[in-house]
Amino acid sequence: MVGSAHEAMHRLFQHDPGVFARAFRALELPFDDPAEVAVFTNDLTEIRPLERRVDTLLRITTVRDGPFLLLVEAQGRQDQDKPSAWAYYLAHLHAKYRLPVVLLVVCQDVATAEWAAEPINIGLSQWCSLTARPLVLGPHNVPVVTDPDLAAADIPLATLSAITHAKDPDIGAILKTLADALHELDNEEDFHVFAELTELGLGSTRAAKTWSKLMSVDLSFYRSKTSQRLRAEGRAEGRAEGRVEGRVEGRVEGRLEEIADKTLRLLEARGIDVAAADEEHIRSCVDPEVLDRWFDRAITATDVSDLFAE
């Protein structure tokens, strides 16, 4: 229950808002006398439901710091609405979970990274009521991973390097190094997970097309250490080479099916009808470059025949 003292303090400021400025002058905080005052409702309940979604929210526990929340946001460009949203996310999550919250923003260009790293100050220049300080990862501080040994030892870091340096002139070398490291993996599930994360992280950049081609036909796989070792064992054991080539062919076939499926799903999502004969034509294609070309055309095609035009 709200007491009389609590009520009196609020009534005092409603009656004479200028007392706020006069009271703090003794503390040498130079607030001006109000020229105009408008009383807003004190009910902060959100009547209209607002959908607020963060990109990623993780609960992390360390030995030294204990549990905390890591809020990860991917930011492709400067957006003046984001700082206030980030401040809201931090305050809301802290109030809901009663845990420390860290905001991490991942960017793909230096200008956006510098903008995102600026402290978010809510208040006046004389007195800041709330400051939010995002941590930022971007091309300015994520290492360029083109060393094969480093990429093989830390594929998540190599993946982050590829995503944050998507607009870097050296992105081709970064992607090639990551692709080689992925092809050395014995765990096929990890291969697909990091390949898909890289594809998603590159978005609509030119690097995405480079990555798509590397994943479709990366001849380095046929020359990789793993492939050479398996072939050497095959020659020693007589029939092993055929089994290794079968694995290689199976992986390529799987990739061809994946591109064909994505092309058909894209056409369906864009409302383009695909006849059974055309679907069979797409699925039976064994040329990765042709499939890549059809997928690129599917982005802007108005009819399925646009894919096959010479």
Protein backbone atom coordinates (compact mmCIF):
# COMPACT_ATOMS: atom_id res chain seq x y z
CA MET A 1 0.00 0.00 0.00
CA VAL A 2 1.29 3.45 -0.95
CA GLY A 3 1.81 5.62 2.15
CA SER A 4 1.19 9.35 2.59
CA ALA A 5 4.92 10.20 2.39
CA HIS A 6 5.19 8.37 -0.92
CA GLU A 7 2.12 10.20 -2.23
CA ALA A 8 3.34 13.58 -0.98
CA MET A 9 6.64 13.32 -2.85
CA HIS A 10 4.88 12.67 -6.13
CA ARG A 11 2.31 15.42 -5.56
CA LEU A 12 5.11 17.88 -4.78
CA PHE A 13 6.80 17.32 -8.16
CA GLN A 14 3.48 17.45 -9.98
CA HIS A 15 2.64 20.76 -8.28
CA ASP A 16 6.05 22.39 -8.85
CA PRO A 17 8.31 20.49 -11.28
CA GLY A 18 10.92 23.24 -10.97
CA VAL A 19 11.80 22.09 -7.46
CA PHE A 20 13.70 19.28 -9.12
CA ALA A 21 16.16 21.70 -10.73
CA ARG A 22 16.46 23.99 -7.71
CA ALA A 23 17.17 21.11 -5.33
CA PHE A 24 20.14 19.92 -7.37
CA ARG A 25 21.79 23.29 -7.89
CA ALA A 26 23.36 22.93 -4.49
CA LEU A 27 25.11 19.85 -5.87
CA GLU A 28 26.32 21.86 -8.87
CA LEU A 29 24.20 19.95 -11.33
CA PRO A 30 23.04 22.71 -13.72
CA PHE A 31 19.47 21.69 -14.53
CA ASP A 32 17.48 24.54 -16.07
CA ASP A 33 14.09 25.67 -14.78
CA PRO A 34 11.31 24.06 -16.85
CA ALA A 35 9.83 26.18 -19.62
CA GLU A 36 6.98 23.75 -20.22
CA VAL A 37 5.65 20.71 -18.36
CA ALA A 38 3.31 17.96 -19.55
CA VAL A 39 2.06 15.23 -17.21
CA PHE A 40 2.14 11.78 -18.77
CA THR A 41 0.26 8.76 -17.49
CA ASN A 42 2.13 6.89 -14.79
CA ASP A 43 0.83 3.54 -16.00
CA LEU A 44 3.68 1.84 -17.90
CA THR A 45 1.67 -1.26 -18.73
CA GLU A 46 1.87 -2.10 -22.42
CA ILE A 47 -1.78 -2.20 -23.49
CA ARG A 48 -0.95 -3.21 -27.06
CA PRO A 49 1.20 -6.36 -27.10
CA LEU A 50 4.58 -5.72 -28.70
CA GLU A 51 6.62 -8.54 -30.15
CA ARG A 52 10.19 -8.24 -28.92
CA ARG A 53 12.64 -10.90 -30.02
CA VAL A 54 16.38 -11.05 -29.51
CA ASP A 55 18.61 -12.91 -31.95
CA THR A 56 20.16 -15.23 -29.38
CA LEU A 57 19.94 -15.48 -25.59
CA LEU A 58 22.29 -17.79 -23.69
CA ARG A 59 22.69 -18.55 -19.99
CA ILE A 60 26.39 -19.07 -19.29
CA THR A 61 28.00 -20.16 -16.03
CA THR A 62 31.69 -19.71 -15.25
CA VAL A 63 33.69 -20.69 -12.18
CA ARG A 64 34.77 -17.13 -11.44
CA ASP A 65 31.68 -15.10 -12.36
CA GLY A 66 28.90 -17.62 -11.87
CA PRO A 67 25.81 -17.50 -14.12
CA PHE A 68 25.07 -14.63 -16.49
CA LEU A 69 23.03 -14.02 -19.65
CA LEU A 70 24.68 -13.42 -23.02
CA LEU A 71 22.44 -11.53 -25.42
CA VAL A 72 23.74 -11.76 -29.01
CA GLU A 73 22.51 -9.39 -31.73
CA ALA A 74 23.63 -9.43 -35.38
CA GLN A 75 23.68 -5.92 -36.86
CA GLY A 76 24.19 -5.40 -40.59
CA ARG A 77 23.78 -1.63 -40.66
CA GLN A 78 23.29 1.41 -38.46
CA ASP A 79 19.74 1.62 -37.11
CA GLN A 80 18.83 4.50 -34.82
CA ASP A 81 15.98 2.47 -33.28
CA LYS A 82 18.32 -0.25 -32.04
CA PRO A 83 20.10 1.45 -29.11
CA SER A 84 16.86 2.06 -27.21
CA ALA A 85 15.72 -1.49 -28.00
CA TRP A 86 19.01 -2.88 -26.70
CA ALA A 87 18.67 -0.87 -23.49
CA TYR A 88 15.14 -2.23 -23.09
CA TYR A 89 16.33 -5.81 -23.64
CA LEU A 90 19.01 -5.44 -20.97
CA ALA A 91 16.68 -3.92 -18.38
CA HIS A 92 13.88 -6.40 -19.10
CA LEU A 93 16.13 -9.48 -18.94
CA HIS A 94 17.77 -8.28 -15.72
CA ALA A 95 14.38 -7.68 -14.10
CA LYS A 96 13.02 -11.04 -15.32
CA TYR A 97 15.94 -13.33 -14.50
CA ARG A 98 17.82 -11.33 -11.84
CA LEU A 99 21.12 -12.20 -13.51
CA PRO A 100 23.90 -10.05 -14.96
CA VAL A 101 23.33 -9.45 -18.68
CA VAL A 102 26.00 -8.89 -21.36
CA LEU A 103 25.06 -7.54 -24.79
CA LEU A 104 27.19 -8.74 -27.71
CA VAL A 105 26.70 -7.15 -31.16
CA VAL A 106 28.24 -8.83 -34.22
CA CYS A 107 28.89 -6.62 -37.27
CA GLN A 108 30.30 -7.07 -40.76
CA ASP A 109 31.76 -3.61 -41.40
CA VAL A 110 33.90 -1.24 -39.35
CA ALA A 111 31.53 1.75 -39.54
CA THR A 112 28.62 -0.24 -38.12
CA ALA A 113 30.87 -1.80 -35.48
CA GLU A 114 32.10 1.62 -34.32
CA TRP A 115 28.52 2.89 -34.16
CA ALA A 116 27.32 -0.16 -32.21
CA ALA A 117 30.18 0.14 -29.70
CA GLU A 118 29.13 3.63 -28.59
CA PRO A 119 27.70 3.69 -25.05
CA ILE A 120 23.93 4.08 -24.93
CA ASN A 121 23.27 6.95 -22.53
CA ILE A 122 19.71 7.54 -21.36
CA GLY A 123 19.25 10.78 -19.48
CA LEU A 124 20.71 14.26 -19.71
CA SER A 125 24.25 15.45 -20.17
CA GLN A 126 24.25 16.65 -16.56
CA TRP A 127 23.21 13.25 -15.28
CA CYS A 128 23.00 9.97 -17.12
CA SER A 129 20.36 7.70 -15.56
CA LEU A 130 21.24 4.58 -17.51
CA THR A 131 24.24 3.56 -19.61
CA ALA A 132 24.33 0.43 -21.73
CA ARG A 133 27.70 -0.69 -23.09
CA PRO A 134 27.55 -3.27 -25.88
CA LEU A 135 30.46 -5.55 -26.60
CA VAL A 136 31.14 -5.60 -30.34
CA LEU A 137 32.77 -8.16 -32.59
CA GLY A 138 33.53 -7.18 -36.17
CA PRO A 139 36.22 -6.97 -38.82
CA HIS A 140 38.15 -4.53 -36.63
CA ASN A 141 38.86 -7.05 -33.86
CA VAL A 142 38.10 -10.58 -35.11
CA PRO A 143 41.27 -12.14 -36.58
CA VAL A 144 41.49 -12.98 -40.28
CA VAL A 145 41.84 -16.75 -40.26
CA THR A 146 43.70 -17.90 -43.38
CA ASP A 147 46.11 -20.24 -41.62
CA PRO A 148 45.04 -23.85 -42.27
CA ASP A 149 46.33 -25.11 -38.91
CA LEU A 150 44.49 -22.39 -36.96
CA ALA A 151 41.28 -23.02 -38.88
CA ALA A 152 41.49 -26.77 -38.28
CA ALA A 153 42.20 -26.25 -34.57
CA ASP A 154 39.34 -23.77 -34.04
CA ILE A 155 36.62 -24.09 -36.66
CA PRO A 156 34.11 -21.92 -34.70
CA LEU A 157 36.64 -19.06 -34.72
CA ALA A 158 37.28 -19.61 -38.43
CA THR A 159 33.51 -19.49 -39.01
CA LEU A 160 33.20 -16.26 -37.03
CA SER A 161 36.11 -14.83 -39.03
CA ALA A 162 34.32 -15.65 -42.28
CA ILE A 163 31.04 -14.08 -41.12
CA THR A 164 32.51 -10.86 -39.72
CA HIS A 165 34.87 -10.37 -42.68
CA ALA A 166 32.20 -11.07 -45.29
CA LYS A 167 32.88 -7.71 -46.98
CA ASP A 168 36.67 -7.95 -46.67
CA PRO A 169 38.76 -8.05 -49.89
CA ASP A 170 40.44 -11.23 -48.56
CA ILE A 171 37.16 -13.04 -47.92
CA GLY A 172 37.93 -15.55 -50.69
CA ALA A 173 41.05 -16.77 -48.88
CA ILE A 174 39.19 -16.90 -45.56
CA LEU A 175 36.36 -18.97 -47.05
CA LYS A 176 38.76 -21.29 -48.85
CA THR A 177 40.65 -21.94 -45.60
CA LEU A 178 37.41 -22.64 -43.75
CA ALA A 179 36.15 -24.94 -46.49
CA ASP A 180 39.39 -26.93 -46.41
CA ALA A 181 39.14 -27.24 -42.62
CA LEU A 182 35.53 -28.42 -42.83
CA HIS A 183 36.38 -31.04 -45.41
CA GLU A 184 38.99 -32.44 -43.02
CA LEU A 185 36.32 -33.10 -40.38
CA ASP A 186 35.50 -36.72 -39.67
CA ASN A 187 32.14 -35.72 -38.15
CA GLU A 188 29.75 -35.11 -41.04
CA GLU A 189 27.17 -33.50 -38.74
CA ASP A 190 29.69 -30.83 -37.65
CA PHE A 191 30.53 -30.28 -41.30
CA HIS A 192 26.93 -29.45 -42.17
CA VAL A 193 26.34 -27.37 -39.02
CA PHE A 194 29.27 -25.01 -39.62
CA ALA A 195 28.69 -24.92 -43.37
CA GLU A 196 25.08 -23.87 -42.76
CA LEU A 197 26.02 -21.32 -40.09
CA THR A 198 28.52 -19.75 -42.48
CA GLU A 199 25.93 -19.61 -45.25
CA LEU A 200 23.41 -17.93 -42.94
CA GLY A 201 26.01 -15.51 -41.58
CA LEU A 202 27.14 -14.38 -45.03
CA GLY A 203 23.56 -13.43 -45.85
CA SER A 204 23.12 -11.73 -49.22
CA THR A 205 26.73 -10.61 -49.61
CA ARG A 206 28.82 -11.53 -52.65
CA ALA A 207 30.79 -13.83 -50.39
CA ALA A 208 27.67 -16.00 -50.07
CA LYS A 209 27.96 -16.99 -53.73
CA THR A 210 31.63 -17.81 -53.28
CA TRP A 211 30.75 -20.00 -50.31
CA SER A 212 27.99 -21.74 -52.21
CA LYS A 213 30.41 -22.68 -54.97
CA LEU A 214 33.04 -23.86 -52.48
CA MET A 215 30.50 -26.11 -50.82
CA SER A 216 29.17 -27.39 -54.14
CA VAL A 217 32.46 -28.36 -55.78
CA ASP A 218 35.55 -27.88 -53.66
CA LEU A 219 38.25 -29.77 -55.53
CA SER A 220 40.58 -29.31 -52.58
CA PHE A 221 38.64 -32.09 -50.87
CA TYR A 222 39.92 -34.55 -53.45
CA ARG A 223 43.46 -33.39 -52.66
CA SER A 224 42.97 -33.05 -48.89
CA LYS A 225 45.12 -34.89 -46.37
CA THR A 226 42.19 -37.00 -45.29
CA SER A 227 41.37 -37.99 -48.86
CA GLN A 228 45.02 -38.77 -49.64
CA ARG A 229 45.34 -40.87 -46.50
CA LEU A 230 42.21 -42.81 -47.29
CA ARG A 231 43.31 -43.40 -50.86
CA ALA A 232 46.73 -44.58 -49.67
CA GLU A 233 45.05 -47.05 -47.33
CA GLY A 234 42.86 -48.16 -50.23
CA ARG A 235 45.82 -48.91 -52.40
CA ALA A 236 47.42 -50.89 -49.58
CA GLU A 237 44.25 -52.83 -48.84
CA GLY A 238 43.16 -53.34 -52.44
CA ARG A 239 39.50 -52.33 -52.38
CA ALA A 240 39.53 -49.37 -49.98
CA GLU A 241 39.96 -46.82 -52.77
CA GLY A 242 36.59 -47.71 -54.18
CA ARG A 243 35.02 -47.20 -50.78
CA VAL A 244 36.69 -43.81 -50.38
CA GLU A 245 35.58 -42.67 -53.81
CA GLY A 246 32.12 -43.82 -52.89
CA ARG A 247 32.20 -41.54 -49.85
CA VAL A 248 33.37 -38.63 -51.99
CA GLU A 249 30.74 -39.25 -54.63
CA GLY A 250 28.08 -39.63 -51.95
CA ARG A 251 28.97 -36.27 -50.44
CA VAL A 252 28.86 -34.55 -53.85
CA GLU A 253 25.53 -36.18 -54.66
CA GLY A 254 24.15 -35.04 -51.33
CA ARG A 255 25.21 -31.49 -52.08
CA LEU A 256 23.57 -31.63 -55.52
CA GLU A 257 20.32 -32.77 -53.92
CA GLU A 258 20.58 -29.94 -51.38
CA ILE A 259 20.95 -27.26 -54.08
CA ALA A 260 18.07 -28.75 -56.08
CA ASP A 261 15.83 -28.80 -52.97
CA LYS A 262 16.68 -25.17 -52.13
CA THR A 263 15.93 -24.10 -55.71
CA LEU A 264 12.54 -25.81 -55.67
CA ARG A 265 11.68 -24.41 -52.22
CA LEU A 266 12.62 -20.91 -53.36
CA LEU A 267 10.38 -21.19 -56.44
CA GLU A 268 7.53 -22.46 -54.27
CA ALA A 269 7.97 -19.62 -51.76
CA ARG A 270 7.83 -17.10 -54.62
CA GLY A 271 4.58 -18.60 -55.89
CA ILE A 272 6.04 -20.05 -59.11
CA ASP A 273 4.43 -23.28 -60.29
CA VAL A 274 6.84 -26.07 -61.19
CA ALA A 275 5.64 -28.86 -63.44
CA ALA A 276 6.63 -32.43 -62.65
CA ALA A 277 8.86 -32.57 -65.72
CA ASP A 278 10.68 -29.37 -64.69
CA GLU A 279 11.16 -30.68 -61.15
CA GLU A 280 12.63 -33.89 -62.53
CA HIS A 281 14.90 -31.85 -64.81
CA ILE A 282 16.23 -29.88 -61.81
CA ARG A 283 16.68 -32.93 -59.59
CA SER A 284 18.45 -34.95 -62.29
CA CYS A 285 21.09 -32.29 -62.98
CA VAL A 286 24.60 -33.47 -62.03
CA ASP A 287 26.47 -30.26 -62.87
CA PRO A 288 26.93 -28.14 -59.70
CA GLU A 289 27.67 -24.98 -61.70
CA VAL A 290 24.43 -25.32 -63.62
CA LEU A 291 22.49 -25.91 -60.38
CA ASP A 292 24.10 -22.84 -58.83
CA ARG A 293 23.10 -20.81 -61.87
CA TRP A 294 19.52 -22.06 -61.66
CA PHE A 295 19.36 -21.22 -57.95
CA ASP A 296 20.62 -17.66 -58.61
CA ARG A 297 18.03 -17.22 -61.36
CA ALA A 298 15.27 -18.52 -59.10
CA ILE A 299 15.71 -15.42 -56.92
CA THR A 300 14.36 -13.13 -59.67
CA ALA A 301 12.59 -15.55 -62.03
CA THR A 302 8.93 -14.96 -62.90
CA ASP A 303 8.50 -18.38 -64.51
CA VAL A 304 10.34 -21.67 -64.17
CA SER A 305 11.41 -21.38 -67.82
CA ASP A 306 13.61 -18.43 -66.81
CA LEU A 307 15.92 -20.88 -65.05
CA PHE A 308 16.70 -22.84 -68.20
CA ALA A 309 17.07 -19.94 -70.64
CA GLU A 310 20.43 -19.85 -72.41
